Each structure stands twice: as structure tokens, then as C-alpha cells.
Amino acid sequence: EFDADAIPVPTDVRLCDADTISVGHVPLRV
């Protein structure tokens, strides 16, 4: 979330500490 605005491609999902983002059935902890 604190780097998204500095990346020149729009960010759809802003990640915060302890969030989970998944690939299929596999969870990845942020």
C-alpha cells in the first residue's frame, strides 16, 4: 500500500501487513 502510488501501472490490490493473497488454493501471507 505504501509503494503502490510510485509504481506507474495502476495497482488493483493494495497489500497490507498480515494480508493474504492466494494463487488458486494456495494462500500467501503478506
PDB file of all heavy atoms in Angstrom:
ATOM      1  N   GLU A   1       0.808  -1.214   0.000  1.00  0.00           N
ATOM      2  CA  GLU A   1       0.000   0.000   0.000  1.00  0.00           C
ATOM      3  C   GLU A   1       0.845   1.269   0.000  1.00  0.00           C
ATOM      4  O   GLU A   1       0.425   2.298  -0.538  1.00  0.00           O
ATOM      5  CB  GLU A   1      -0.952   0.010   1.199  1.00  0.00           C
ATOM      6  CG  GLU A   1      -0.285  -0.009   2.558  1.00  0.00           C
ATOM      7  CD  GLU A   1      -1.282   0.176   3.694  1.00  0.00           C
ATOM      8  OE1 GLU A   1      -2.340   0.791   3.459  1.00  0.00           O
ATOM      9  OE2 GLU A   1      -0.996  -0.287   4.810  1.00  0.00           O
ATOM     10  N   PHE A   2       2.045   1.246   0.573  1.00  0.00           N
ATOM     11  CA  PHE A   2       2.863   2.442   0.663  1.00  0.00           C
ATOM     12  C   PHE A   2       3.821   2.608  -0.512  1.00  0.00           C
ATOM     13  O   PHE A   2       4.550   3.596  -0.572  1.00  0.00           O
ATOM     14  CB  PHE A   2       3.632   2.459   1.986  1.00  0.00           C
ATOM     15  CG  PHE A   2       2.731   2.464   3.190  1.00  0.00           C
ATOM     16  CD1 PHE A   2       2.659   1.360   4.022  1.00  0.00           C
ATOM     17  CD2 PHE A   2       1.931   3.556   3.475  1.00  0.00           C
ATOM     18  CE1 PHE A   2       1.820   1.347   5.124  1.00  0.00           C
ATOM     19  CE2 PHE A   2       1.082   3.561   4.570  1.00  0.00           C
ATOM     20  CZ  PHE A   2       1.029   2.453   5.406  1.00  0.00           C
ATOM     21  N   ASP A   3       3.846   1.666  -1.425  1.00  0.00           N
ATOM     22  CA  ASP A   3       4.642   1.792  -2.650  1.00  0.00           C
ATOM     23  C   ASP A   3       3.778   1.905  -3.895  1.00  0.00           C
ATOM     24  O   ASP A   3       4.278   2.271  -4.959  1.00  0.00           O
ATOM     25  CB  ASP A   3       5.565   0.564  -2.812  1.00  0.00           C
ATOM     26  CG  ASP A   3       6.919   0.760  -2.147  1.00  0.00           C
ATOM     27  OD1 ASP A   3       7.075   1.739  -1.388  1.00  0.00           O
ATOM     28  OD2 ASP A   3       7.810  -0.070  -2.362  1.00  0.00           O
ATOM     29  N   ALA A   4       2.504   1.605  -3.777  1.00  0.00           N
ATOM     30  CA  ALA A   4       1.650   1.488  -4.963  1.00  0.00           C
ATOM     31  C   ALA A   4       1.620   2.753  -5.800  1.00  0.00           C
ATOM     32  O   ALA A   4       1.678   2.699  -7.037  1.00  0.00           O
ATOM     33  CB  ALA A   4       0.233   1.104  -4.532  1.00  0.00           C
ATOM     34  N   ASP A   5       1.555   3.919  -5.166  1.00  0.00           N
ATOM     35  CA  ASP A   5       1.443   5.162  -5.924  1.00  0.00           C
ATOM     36  C   ASP A   5       2.715   5.510  -6.684  1.00  0.00           C
ATOM     37  O   ASP A   5       2.683   6.338  -7.600  1.00  0.00           O
ATOM     38  CB  ASP A   5       1.081   6.318  -4.988  1.00  0.00           C
ATOM     39  CG  ASP A   5      -0.344   6.204  -4.454  1.00  0.00           C
ATOM     40  OD1 ASP A   5      -1.155   5.503  -5.080  1.00  0.00           O
ATOM     41  OD2 ASP A   5      -0.636   6.814  -3.402  1.00  0.00           O
ATOM     42  N   ALA A   6       3.830   4.899  -6.334  1.00  0.00           N
ATOM     43  CA  ALA A   6       5.098   5.174  -7.010  1.00  0.00           C
ATOM     44  C   ALA A   6       5.361   4.207  -8.158  1.00  0.00           C
ATOM     45  O   ALA A   6       6.383   4.326  -8.841  1.00  0.00           O
ATOM     46  CB  ALA A   6       6.249   5.109  -6.007  1.00  0.00           C
ATOM     47  N   ILE A   7       4.469   3.268  -8.381  1.00  0.00           N
ATOM     48  CA  ILE A   7       4.587   2.319  -9.484  1.00  0.00           C
ATOM     49  C   ILE A   7       3.699   2.822 -10.626  1.00  0.00           C
ATOM     50  O   ILE A   7       2.496   3.001 -10.427  1.00  0.00           O
ATOM     51  CB  ILE A   7       4.158   0.907  -9.048  1.00  0.00           C
ATOM     52  CG1 ILE A   7       5.084   0.403  -7.925  1.00  0.00           C
ATOM     53  CG2 ILE A   7       4.172  -0.064 -10.223  1.00  0.00           C
ATOM     54  CD1 ILE A   7       4.594  -0.869  -7.264  1.00  0.00           C
ATOM     55  N   PRO A   8       4.249   3.101 -11.808  1.00  0.00           N
ATOM     56  CA  PRO A   8       3.491   3.766 -12.869  1.00  0.00           C
ATOM     57  C   PRO A   8       2.534   2.856 -13.633  1.00  0.00           C
ATOM     58  O   PRO A   8       2.258   3.094 -14.807  1.00  0.00           O
ATOM     59  CB  PRO A   8       4.585   4.315 -13.775  1.00  0.00           C
ATOM     60  CG  PRO A   8       5.702   3.367 -13.627  1.00  0.00           C
ATOM     61  CD  PRO A   8       5.660   2.921 -12.195  1.00  0.00           C
ATOM     62  N   VAL A   9       2.035   1.841 -12.984  1.00  0.00           N
ATOM     63  CA  VAL A   9       0.966   1.000 -13.509  1.00  0.00           C
ATOM     64  C   VAL A   9      -0.073   0.917 -12.393  1.00  0.00           C
ATOM     65  O   VAL A   9       0.298   0.643 -11.242  1.00  0.00           O
ATOM     66  CB  VAL A   9       1.479  -0.413 -13.871  1.00  0.00           C
ATOM     67  CG1 VAL A   9       0.331  -1.287 -14.359  1.00  0.00           C
ATOM     68  CG2 VAL A   9       2.577  -0.335 -14.917  1.00  0.00           C
ATOM     69  N   PRO A  10      -1.344   1.182 -12.666  1.00  0.00           N
ATOM     70  CA  PRO A  10      -2.338   1.182 -11.584  1.00  0.00           C
ATOM     71  C   PRO A  10      -2.345  -0.122 -10.809  1.00  0.00           C
ATOM     72  O   PRO A  10      -2.241  -1.214 -11.377  1.00  0.00           O
ATOM     73  CB  PRO A  10      -3.658   1.386 -12.344  1.00  0.00           C
ATOM     74  CG  PRO A  10      -3.266   2.114 -13.593  1.00  0.00           C
ATOM     75  CD  PRO A  10      -1.924   1.561 -13.972  1.00  0.00           C
ATOM     76  N   THR A  11      -2.442  -0.002  -9.485  1.00  0.00           N
ATOM     77  CA  THR A  11      -2.458  -1.155  -8.597  1.00  0.00           C
ATOM     78  C   THR A  11      -3.895  -1.501  -8.242  1.00  0.00           C
ATOM     79  O   THR A  11      -4.621  -0.682  -7.674  1.00  0.00           O
ATOM     80  CB  THR A  11      -1.652  -0.864  -7.315  1.00  0.00           C
ATOM     81  OG1 THR A  11      -0.287  -0.610  -7.675  1.00  0.00           O
ATOM     82  CG2 THR A  11      -1.711  -2.036  -6.354  1.00  0.00           C
ATOM     83  N   ASP A  12      -4.316  -2.710  -8.561  1.00  0.00           N
ATOM     84  CA  ASP A  12      -5.679  -3.140  -8.268  1.00  0.00           C
ATOM     85  C   ASP A  12      -5.866  -3.544  -6.808  1.00  0.00           C
ATOM     86  O   ASP A  12      -6.926  -3.328  -6.231  1.00  0.00           O
ATOM     87  CB  ASP A  12      -6.056  -4.334  -9.164  1.00  0.00           C
ATOM     88  CG  ASP A  12      -6.000  -3.991 -10.642  1.00  0.00           C
ATOM     89  OD1 ASP A  12      -6.463  -2.901 -11.009  1.00  0.00           O
ATOM     90  OD2 ASP A  12      -5.469  -4.810 -11.418  1.00  0.00           O
ATOM     91  N   VAL A  13      -4.832  -4.153  -6.226  1.00  0.00           N
ATOM     92  CA  VAL A  13      -4.911  -4.648  -4.850  1.00  0.00           C
ATOM     93  C   VAL A  13      -3.747  -4.064  -4.062  1.00  0.00           C
ATOM     94  O   VAL A  13      -2.588  -4.305  -4.407  1.00  0.00           O
ATOM     95  CB  VAL A  13      -4.855  -6.189  -4.802  1.00  0.00           C
ATOM     96  CG1 VAL A  13      -4.960  -6.676  -3.356  1.00  0.00           C
ATOM     97  CG2 VAL A  13      -5.946  -6.794  -5.656  1.00  0.00           C
ATOM     98  N   ARG A  14      -4.071  -3.304  -3.019  1.00  0.00           N
ATOM     99  CA  ARG A  14      -3.035  -2.728  -2.154  1.00  0.00           C
ATOM    100  C   ARG A  14      -2.849  -3.651  -0.958  1.00  0.00           C
ATOM    101  O   ARG A  14      -3.796  -3.887  -0.197  1.00  0.00           O
ATOM    102  CB  ARG A  14      -3.417  -1.316  -1.722  1.00  0.00           C
ATOM    103  CG  ARG A  14      -3.398  -0.336  -2.893  1.00  0.00           C
ATOM    104  CD  ARG A  14      -3.885   1.050  -2.511  1.00  0.00           C
ATOM    105  NE  ARG A  14      -3.776   1.943  -3.655  1.00  0.00           N
ATOM    106  CZ  ARG A  14      -2.954   2.994  -3.723  1.00  0.00           C
ATOM    107  NH1 ARG A  14      -2.180   3.286  -2.692  1.00  0.00           N
ATOM    108  NH2 ARG A  14      -2.906   3.739  -4.812  1.00  0.00           N
ATOM    109  N   LEU A  15      -1.636  -4.136  -0.808  1.00  0.00           N
ATOM    110  CA  LEU A  15      -1.358  -5.154   0.194  1.00  0.00           C
ATOM    111  C   LEU A  15      -0.889  -4.519   1.501  1.00  0.00           C
ATOM    112  O   LEU A  15      -0.054  -3.614   1.504  1.00  0.00           O
ATOM    113  CB  LEU A  15      -0.282  -6.105  -0.319  1.00  0.00           C
ATOM    114  CG  LEU A  15      -0.608  -6.838  -1.620  1.00  0.00           C
ATOM    115  CD1 LEU A  15       0.611  -7.614  -2.107  1.00  0.00           C
ATOM    116  CD2 LEU A  15      -1.802  -7.766  -1.434  1.00  0.00           C
ATOM    117  N   CYS A  16      -1.428  -5.029   2.606  1.00  0.00           N
ATOM    118  CA  CYS A  16      -1.063  -4.573   3.941  1.00  0.00           C
ATOM    119  C   CYS A  16      -0.444  -5.730   4.718  1.00  0.00           C
ATOM    120  O   CYS A  16      -0.626  -6.902   4.372  1.00  0.00           O
ATOM    121  CB  CYS A  16      -2.296  -4.057   4.696  1.00  0.00           C
ATOM    122  SG  CYS A  16      -3.164  -2.717   3.866  1.00  0.00           S
ATOM    123  N   ASP A  17       0.273  -5.390   5.780  1.00  0.00           N
ATOM    124  CA  ASP A  17       0.889  -6.409   6.616  1.00  0.00           C
ATOM    125  C   ASP A  17      -0.155  -7.386   7.121  1.00  0.00           C
ATOM    126  O   ASP A  17      -1.241  -6.997   7.564  1.00  0.00           O
ATOM    127  CB  ASP A  17       1.579  -5.733   7.802  1.00  0.00           C
ATOM    128  CG  ASP A  17       2.536  -6.664   8.523  1.00  0.00           C
ATOM    129  OD1 ASP A  17       3.367  -7.285   7.856  1.00  0.00           O
ATOM    130  OD2 ASP A  17       2.434  -6.763   9.759  1.00  0.00           O
ATOM    131  N   ALA A  18       0.159  -8.671   7.042  1.00  0.00           N
ATOM    132  CA  ALA A  18      -0.692  -9.775   7.506  1.00  0.00           C
ATOM    133  C   ALA A  18      -1.870 -10.064   6.576  1.00  0.00           C
ATOM    134  O   ALA A  18      -2.695 -10.924   6.888  1.00  0.00           O
ATOM    135  CB  ALA A  18      -1.194  -9.552   8.921  1.00  0.00           C
ATOM    136  N   ASP A  19      -1.969  -9.388   5.434  1.00  0.00           N
ATOM    137  CA  ASP A  19      -2.965  -9.767   4.433  1.00  0.00           C
ATOM    138  C   ASP A  19      -2.639 -11.151   3.883  1.00  0.00           C
ATOM    139  O   ASP A  19      -1.521 -11.657   4.019  1.00  0.00           O
ATOM    140  CB  ASP A  19      -2.964  -8.778   3.259  1.00  0.00           C
ATOM    141  CG  ASP A  19      -3.753  -7.516   3.542  1.00  0.00           C
ATOM    142  OD1 ASP A  19      -4.404  -7.440   4.603  1.00  0.00           O
ATOM    143  OD2 ASP A  19      -3.689  -6.595   2.700  1.00  0.00           O
ATOM    144  N   THR A  20      -3.624 -11.727   3.213  1.00  0.00           N
ATOM    145  CA  THR A  20      -3.420 -12.975   2.478  1.00  0.00           C
ATOM    146  C   THR A  20      -3.796 -12.750   1.025  1.00  0.00           C
ATOM    147  O   THR A  20      -4.846 -12.180   0.729  1.00  0.00           O
ATOM    148  CB  THR A  20      -4.267 -14.114   3.058  1.00  0.00           C
ATOM    149  OG1 THR A  20      -3.860 -14.371   4.403  1.00  0.00           O
ATOM    150  CG2 THR A  20      -4.096 -15.394   2.241  1.00  0.00           C
ATOM    151  N   ILE A  21      -2.926 -13.157   0.124  1.00  0.00           N
ATOM    152  CA  ILE A  21      -3.240 -13.160  -1.297  1.00  0.00           C
ATOM    153  C   ILE A  21      -3.017 -14.582  -1.779  1.00  0.00           C
ATOM    154  O   ILE A  21      -2.026 -15.216  -1.412  1.00  0.00           O
ATOM    155  CB  ILE A  21      -2.393 -12.129  -2.069  1.00  0.00           C
ATOM    156  CG1 ILE A  21      -2.886 -12.012  -3.512  1.00  0.00           C
ATOM    157  CG2 ILE A  21      -0.908 -12.431  -1.997  1.00  0.00           C
ATOM    158  CD1 ILE A  21      -2.348 -10.778  -4.235  1.00  0.00           C
ATOM    159  N   SER A  22      -3.945 -15.093  -2.552  1.00  0.00           N
ATOM    160  CA  SER A  22      -3.905 -16.510  -2.907  1.00  0.00           C
ATOM    161  C   SER A  22      -3.641 -16.720  -4.382  1.00  0.00           C
ATOM    162  O   SER A  22      -3.981 -15.882  -5.224  1.00  0.00           O
ATOM    163  CB  SER A  22      -5.232 -17.185  -2.529  1.00  0.00           C
ATOM    164  OG  SER A  22      -5.428 -17.149  -1.132  1.00  0.00           O
ATOM    165  N   VAL A  23      -3.039 -17.859  -4.678  1.00  0.00           N
ATOM    166  CA  VAL A  23      -2.934 -18.355  -6.041  1.00  0.00           C
ATOM    167  C   VAL A  23      -3.649 -19.701  -6.039  1.00  0.00           C
ATOM    168  O   VAL A  23      -3.172 -20.676  -5.460  1.00  0.00           O
ATOM    169  CB  VAL A  23      -1.462 -18.454  -6.511  1.00  0.00           C
ATOM    170  CG1 VAL A  23      -0.584 -19.176  -5.520  1.00  0.00           C
ATOM    171  CG2 VAL A  23      -1.385 -19.100  -7.891  1.00  0.00           C
ATOM    172  N   GLY A  24      -4.835 -19.720  -6.639  1.00  0.00           N
ATOM    173  CA  GLY A  24      -5.672 -20.909  -6.546  1.00  0.00           C
ATOM    174  C   GLY A  24      -6.011 -21.211  -5.102  1.00  0.00           C
ATOM    175  O   GLY A  24      -6.487 -20.349  -4.362  1.00  0.00           O
ATOM    176  N   HIS A  25      -5.718 -22.437  -4.669  1.00  0.00           N
ATOM    177  CA  HIS A  25      -5.996 -22.843  -3.295  1.00  0.00           C
ATOM    178  C   HIS A  25      -4.814 -22.606  -2.358  1.00  0.00           C
ATOM    179  O   HIS A  25      -4.856 -23.030  -1.200  1.00  0.00           O
ATOM    180  CB  HIS A  25      -6.370 -24.322  -3.255  1.00  0.00           C
ATOM    181  CG  HIS A  25      -7.640 -24.653  -3.981  1.00  0.00           C
ATOM    182  ND1 HIS A  25      -8.717 -23.801  -4.023  1.00  0.00           N
ATOM    183  CD2 HIS A  25      -8.001 -25.755  -4.706  1.00  0.00           C
ATOM    184  CE1 HIS A  25      -9.688 -24.348  -4.718  1.00  0.00           C
ATOM    185  NE2 HIS A  25      -9.284 -25.536  -5.160  1.00  0.00           N
ATOM    186  N   VAL A  26      -3.786 -21.948  -2.848  1.00  0.00           N
ATOM    187  CA  VAL A  26      -2.559 -21.751  -2.062  1.00  0.00           C
ATOM    188  C   VAL A  26      -2.527 -20.334  -1.490  1.00  0.00           C
ATOM    189  O   VAL A  26      -2.446 -19.361  -2.254  1.00  0.00           O
ATOM    190  CB  VAL A  26      -1.310 -22.001  -2.920  1.00  0.00           C
ATOM    191  CG1 VAL A  26      -0.046 -21.702  -2.134  1.00  0.00           C
ATOM    192  CG2 VAL A  26      -1.305 -23.432  -3.438  1.00  0.00           C
ATOM    193  N   PRO A  27      -2.579 -20.177  -0.167  1.00  0.00           N
ATOM    194  CA  PRO A  27      -2.526 -18.841   0.434  1.00  0.00           C
ATOM    195  C   PRO A  27      -1.088 -18.372   0.621  1.00  0.00           C
ATOM    196  O   PRO A  27      -0.197 -19.142   0.977  1.00  0.00           O
ATOM    197  CB  PRO A  27      -3.208 -19.047   1.793  1.00  0.00           C
ATOM    198  CG  PRO A  27      -2.904 -20.471   2.144  1.00  0.00           C
ATOM    199  CD  PRO A  27      -2.842 -21.231   0.832  1.00  0.00           C
ATOM    200  N   LEU A  28      -0.870 -17.093   0.377  1.00  0.00           N
ATOM    201  CA  LEU A  28       0.416 -16.451   0.588  1.00  0.00           C
ATOM    202  C   LEU A  28       0.227 -15.321   1.588  1.00  0.00           C
ATOM    203  O   LEU A  28      -0.621 -14.449   1.395  1.00  0.00           O
ATOM    204  CB  LEU A  28       0.969 -15.894  -0.722  1.00  0.00           C
ATOM    205  CG  LEU A  28       1.096 -16.879  -1.887  1.00  0.00           C
ATOM    206  CD1 LEU A  28       1.395 -16.126  -3.180  1.00  0.00           C
ATOM    207  CD2 LEU A  28       2.170 -17.919  -1.610  1.00  0.00           C
ATOM    208  N   ARG A  29       0.995 -15.340   2.654  1.00  0.00           N
ATOM    209  CA  ARG A  29       0.883 -14.329   3.706  1.00  0.00           C
ATOM    210  C   ARG A  29       1.787 -13.148   3.380  1.00  0.00           C
ATOM    211  O   ARG A  29       2.945 -13.313   3.005  1.00  0.00           O
ATOM    212  CB  ARG A  29       1.237 -14.941   5.054  1.00  0.00           C
ATOM    213  CG  ARG A  29       1.225 -13.983   6.223  1.00  0.00           C
ATOM    214  CD  ARG A  29       1.205 -14.732   7.551  1.00  0.00           C
ATOM    215  NE  ARG A  29       2.237 -15.750   7.624  1.00  0.00           N
ATOM    216  CZ  ARG A  29       3.469 -15.522   8.074  1.00  0.00           C
ATOM    217  NH1 ARG A  29       3.820 -14.307   8.461  1.00  0.00           N
ATOM    218  NH2 ARG A  29       4.350 -16.515   8.140  1.00  0.00           N
ATOM    219  N   VAL A  30       1.264 -11.942   3.545  1.00  0.00           N
ATOM    220  CA  VAL A  30       1.992 -10.715   3.230  1.00  0.00           C
ATOM    221  C   VAL A  30       2.727 -10.210   4.474  1.00  0.00           C
ATOM    222  O   VAL A  30       2.147 -10.126   5.559  1.00  0.00           O
ATOM    223  CB  VAL A  30       1.034  -9.622   2.717  1.00  0.00           C
ATOM    224  CG1 VAL A  30       1.789  -8.320   2.459  1.00  0.00           C
ATOM    225  CG2 VAL A  30       0.322 -10.082   1.449  1.00  0.00           C
TER     226      VAL A  30
END
